[in-house]
Protein backbone atom coordinates (compact mmCIF):
# COMPACT_ATOMS: atom_id res chain seq x y z
CA UNK A 1 103.01 4.61 25.60
CA UNK A 2 103.57 1.01 26.77
CA UNK A 3 102.22 1.92 30.20
CA UNK A 4 98.84 2.83 28.68
CA UNK A 5 98.59 -0.10 26.27
CA UNK A 6 99.37 -2.82 28.83
CA UNK A 7 96.44 -2.02 31.17
CA UNK A 8 94.14 -1.79 28.15
CA UNK A 9 95.39 -5.18 26.88
CA UNK A 10 95.08 -6.73 30.34
CA UNK A 11 91.54 -5.39 30.62
CA UNK A 12 90.66 -6.89 27.22
CA UNK A 13 92.20 -10.24 28.22
CA UNK A 14 90.20 -10.30 31.49
CA UNK A 15 86.99 -9.52 29.57
CA UNK A 16 87.70 -12.28 27.04
CA UNK A 17 88.47 -14.74 29.84
CA UNK A 18 85.27 -13.83 31.68
CA UNK A 19 83.29 -14.23 28.48
CA UNK A 20 84.89 -17.61 27.79
CA UNK A 21 84.27 -18.68 31.40
CA UNK A 22 80.62 -17.73 31.05
CA UNK A 23 80.38 -19.73 27.84
CA UNK A 24 82.18 -22.65 29.46
CA UNK A 25 79.85 -22.66 32.44
CA UNK A 26 76.84 -22.58 30.11
CA UNK A 27 78.29 -25.56 28.25
CA UNK A 28 78.61 -27.45 31.53
CA UNK A 29 74.96 -27.01 32.48
CA UNK A 30 73.18 -30.33 32.49
CA UNK A 31 71.33 -31.19 29.33
CA UNK A 32 68.08 -33.08 29.72
CA UNK A 33 68.80 -36.75 29.23
CA UNK A 34 67.13 -38.64 26.46
CA UNK A 35 66.18 -42.27 26.48
CA UNK A 36 68.60 -44.29 24.47
CA UNK A 37 68.60 -47.81 23.23
CA UNK A 38 71.32 -50.16 22.15
CA UNK A 39 71.56 -51.10 18.51
CA UNK A 40 73.97 -53.90 19.30
CA UNK A 41 71.30 -56.20 20.70
CA UNK A 42 68.35 -57.36 18.59
CA UNK A 43 64.88 -56.49 19.84
CA UNK A 44 63.94 -60.17 19.65
CA UNK A 45 66.12 -62.73 21.34
CA UNK A 46 67.64 -65.01 18.73
CA UNK A 47 68.63 -68.46 19.93
CA UNK A 48 72.15 -69.50 18.96
CA UNK A 49 72.91 -67.09 16.10
CA UNK A 50 74.72 -69.00 13.38
CA UNK A 51 75.86 -65.97 11.38
CA UNK A 52 76.88 -62.42 12.14
CA UNK A 53 75.97 -59.12 10.55
CA UNK A 54 79.00 -56.99 9.72
CA UNK A 55 79.67 -53.42 8.67
CA UNK A 56 77.89 -51.26 6.14
CA UNK A 57 79.69 -51.95 2.87
CA UNK A 58 77.98 -49.37 0.65
CA UNK A 59 74.90 -47.32 -0.12
CA UNK A 60 73.79 -47.67 -3.74
CA UNK A 61 72.47 -44.66 -5.64
CA UNK A 62 70.73 -45.06 -9.01
CA UNK A 63 71.76 -42.24 -11.33
CA UNK A 64 70.38 -41.22 -14.73
CA UNK A 65 73.81 -40.04 -15.94
CA UNK A 66 76.76 -42.06 -14.64
CA UNK A 67 79.44 -39.79 -16.08
CA UNK A 68 77.85 -36.64 -14.62
CA UNK A 69 77.44 -38.26 -11.19
CA UNK A 70 81.02 -39.58 -11.20
CA UNK A 71 82.35 -36.15 -12.14
CA UNK A 72 80.38 -34.52 -9.32
CA UNK A 73 81.82 -36.81 -6.62
CA UNK A 74 85.35 -36.65 -8.08
CA UNK A 75 85.73 -33.02 -9.15
CA UNK A 76 83.31 -31.17 -6.88
CA UNK A 77 83.54 -33.18 -3.65
CA UNK A 78 87.08 -34.50 -4.18
CA UNK A 79 86.30 -38.17 -3.55
CA UNK A 80 88.20 -41.14 -4.95
CA UNK A 81 86.05 -42.48 -7.78
CA UNK A 82 86.57 -45.76 -9.65
CA UNK A 83 86.17 -46.29 -13.36
CA UNK A 84 82.77 -47.49 -14.59
CA UNK A 85 82.49 -51.28 -14.61
CA UNK A 86 79.73 -53.02 -16.59
CA UNK A 87 78.08 -55.94 -14.79
CA UNK A 88 75.88 -57.56 -17.47
CA UNK A 89 74.71 -60.34 -15.12
CA UNK A 90 73.14 -57.64 -12.91
CA UNK A 91 72.09 -55.33 -15.76
CA UNK A 92 74.07 -52.36 -14.45
CA UNK A 93 77.23 -50.34 -14.81
CA UNK A 94 78.74 -49.36 -11.46
CA UNK A 95 81.13 -46.75 -10.15
CA UNK A 96 82.37 -46.85 -6.57
CA UNK A 97 82.94 -43.65 -4.60
CA UNK A 98 85.35 -44.28 -1.72
CA UNK A 99 84.33 -42.40 1.43
CA UNK A 100 86.99 -43.80 3.77
CA UNK A 101 84.67 -45.55 6.23
CA UNK A 102 82.35 -46.92 3.53
CA UNK A 103 81.52 -46.54 -0.15
CA UNK A 104 78.75 -45.30 -2.38
CA UNK A 105 77.88 -47.35 -5.42
CA UNK A 106 76.59 -45.35 -8.36
CA UNK A 107 74.30 -47.54 -10.49
CA UNK A 108 73.29 -46.94 -14.08
CA UNK A 109 71.17 -49.26 -16.23
CA UNK A 110 72.87 -51.53 -18.71
CA UNK A 111 70.04 -52.05 -21.20
CA UNK A 112 66.27 -51.59 -21.07
CA UNK A 113 65.66 -54.77 -19.03
CA UNK A 114 67.85 -53.56 -16.16
CA UNK A 115 66.11 -53.31 -12.79
CA UNK A 116 67.73 -49.89 -12.50
CA UNK A 117 65.98 -48.75 -15.71
CA UNK A 118 62.64 -49.48 -14.03
CA UNK A 119 63.74 -47.67 -10.88
CA UNK A 120 64.78 -44.60 -12.91
CA UNK A 121 61.45 -44.58 -14.77
CA UNK A 122 59.75 -44.06 -11.39
CA UNK A 123 62.51 -41.79 -10.03
CA UNK A 124 63.67 -39.61 -12.94
CA UNK A 125 66.36 -37.79 -10.93
CA UNK A 126 67.68 -41.02 -9.40
CA UNK A 127 67.94 -41.80 -5.71
CA UNK A 128 68.89 -44.34 -3.09
CA UNK A 129 68.41 -47.85 -4.44
CA UNK A 130 69.73 -50.18 -1.71
CA UNK A 131 72.09 -50.63 1.20
CA UNK A 132 74.72 -53.37 1.37
CA UNK A 133 75.73 -54.98 4.65
CA UNK A 134 78.46 -57.56 5.06
CA UNK A 135 77.79 -60.96 6.65
CA UNK A 136 80.32 -63.51 7.82
CA UNK A 137 78.54 -66.47 6.16
CA UNK A 138 76.12 -65.64 3.36
CA UNK A 139 74.84 -69.21 2.87
CA UNK A 140 74.04 -69.67 6.55
CA UNK A 141 72.46 -66.19 6.65
CA UNK A 142 70.25 -67.06 3.68
CA UNK A 143 69.06 -70.32 5.24
CA UNK A 144 68.37 -68.63 8.57
CA UNK A 145 66.50 -65.72 6.97
CA UNK A 146 64.34 -68.10 4.91
CA UNK A 147 63.37 -69.89 8.15
CA UNK A 148 62.37 -66.47 9.49
CA UNK A 149 60.17 -65.89 6.41
CA UNK A 150 62.40 -63.17 4.91
CA UNK A 151 62.21 -63.41 1.12
CA UNK A 152 65.14 -62.95 -1.22
CA UNK A 153 64.91 -61.60 -4.78
CA UNK A 154 66.76 -64.66 -6.16
CA UNK A 155 67.00 -68.25 -4.98
CA UNK A 156 70.78 -68.28 -4.84
CA UNK A 157 73.56 -65.81 -4.18
CA UNK A 158 75.22 -64.23 -7.23
CA UNK A 159 78.68 -62.78 -7.58
CA UNK A 160 78.47 -59.03 -6.96
CA UNK A 161 80.53 -56.02 -8.00
CA UNK A 162 83.29 -56.83 -5.48
CA UNK A 163 83.65 -60.39 -6.79
CA UNK A 164 81.96 -61.82 -3.68
CA UNK A 165 78.62 -63.62 -3.26
CA UNK A 166 75.63 -61.32 -2.68
CA UNK A 167 71.91 -61.76 -2.10
CA UNK A 168 69.13 -59.17 -2.00
CA UNK A 169 66.41 -59.27 0.65
CA UNK A 170 62.94 -58.29 -0.49
CA UNK A 171 62.09 -54.69 0.50
CA UNK A 172 58.58 -55.69 1.61
CA UNK A 173 60.19 -57.79 4.35
CA UNK A 174 62.72 -55.08 5.30
CA UNK A 175 60.56 -52.03 6.03
CA UNK A 176 60.65 -50.83 2.43
CA UNK A 177 64.44 -50.99 2.04
CA UNK A 178 66.16 -53.22 -0.50
CA UNK A 179 68.97 -54.83 1.53
CA UNK A 180 71.94 -56.50 -0.11
CA UNK A 181 73.97 -58.93 1.97
CA UNK A 182 77.57 -59.50 0.86
CA UNK A 183 79.97 -62.20 2.01
CA UNK A 184 82.70 -60.45 4.02
């Protein structure tokens, strides 16, 4: 009985190995190369940069129902979700969803005059509102960007949801994206 099963098993192992070898050799075939470019260098040469752009801090999502959105990320996807925090000076309530390498900020209007209320009137289901990128020196970044004709939505930085100074760059100057800069 063992004498019959061993050759059969050996035959199956050789077939599996040959199949794997064929797959491996197909994986090693050269793939056409694509042109790549470096994102670490700006397309325009900047003389003596006086501030540095940092990591992506968060992506902000406007939501029509903050409790429902929080529950989805916490109970369905299993993410760490903060409690809702009202920020009256910004006209929003926020919840942060921790993703390990970055965060998502869930935004909900705090009153009818909230900028998020206007956004949700145009986008009933909600959607991406802005991205937040850290900078090493927000005041120097603001002065430099103003020299480069990049508009901000306010004249001065305000304290944001993380208790740090933030400024928003006008989306018309940023390819249609509202960009928040936050002091690292």
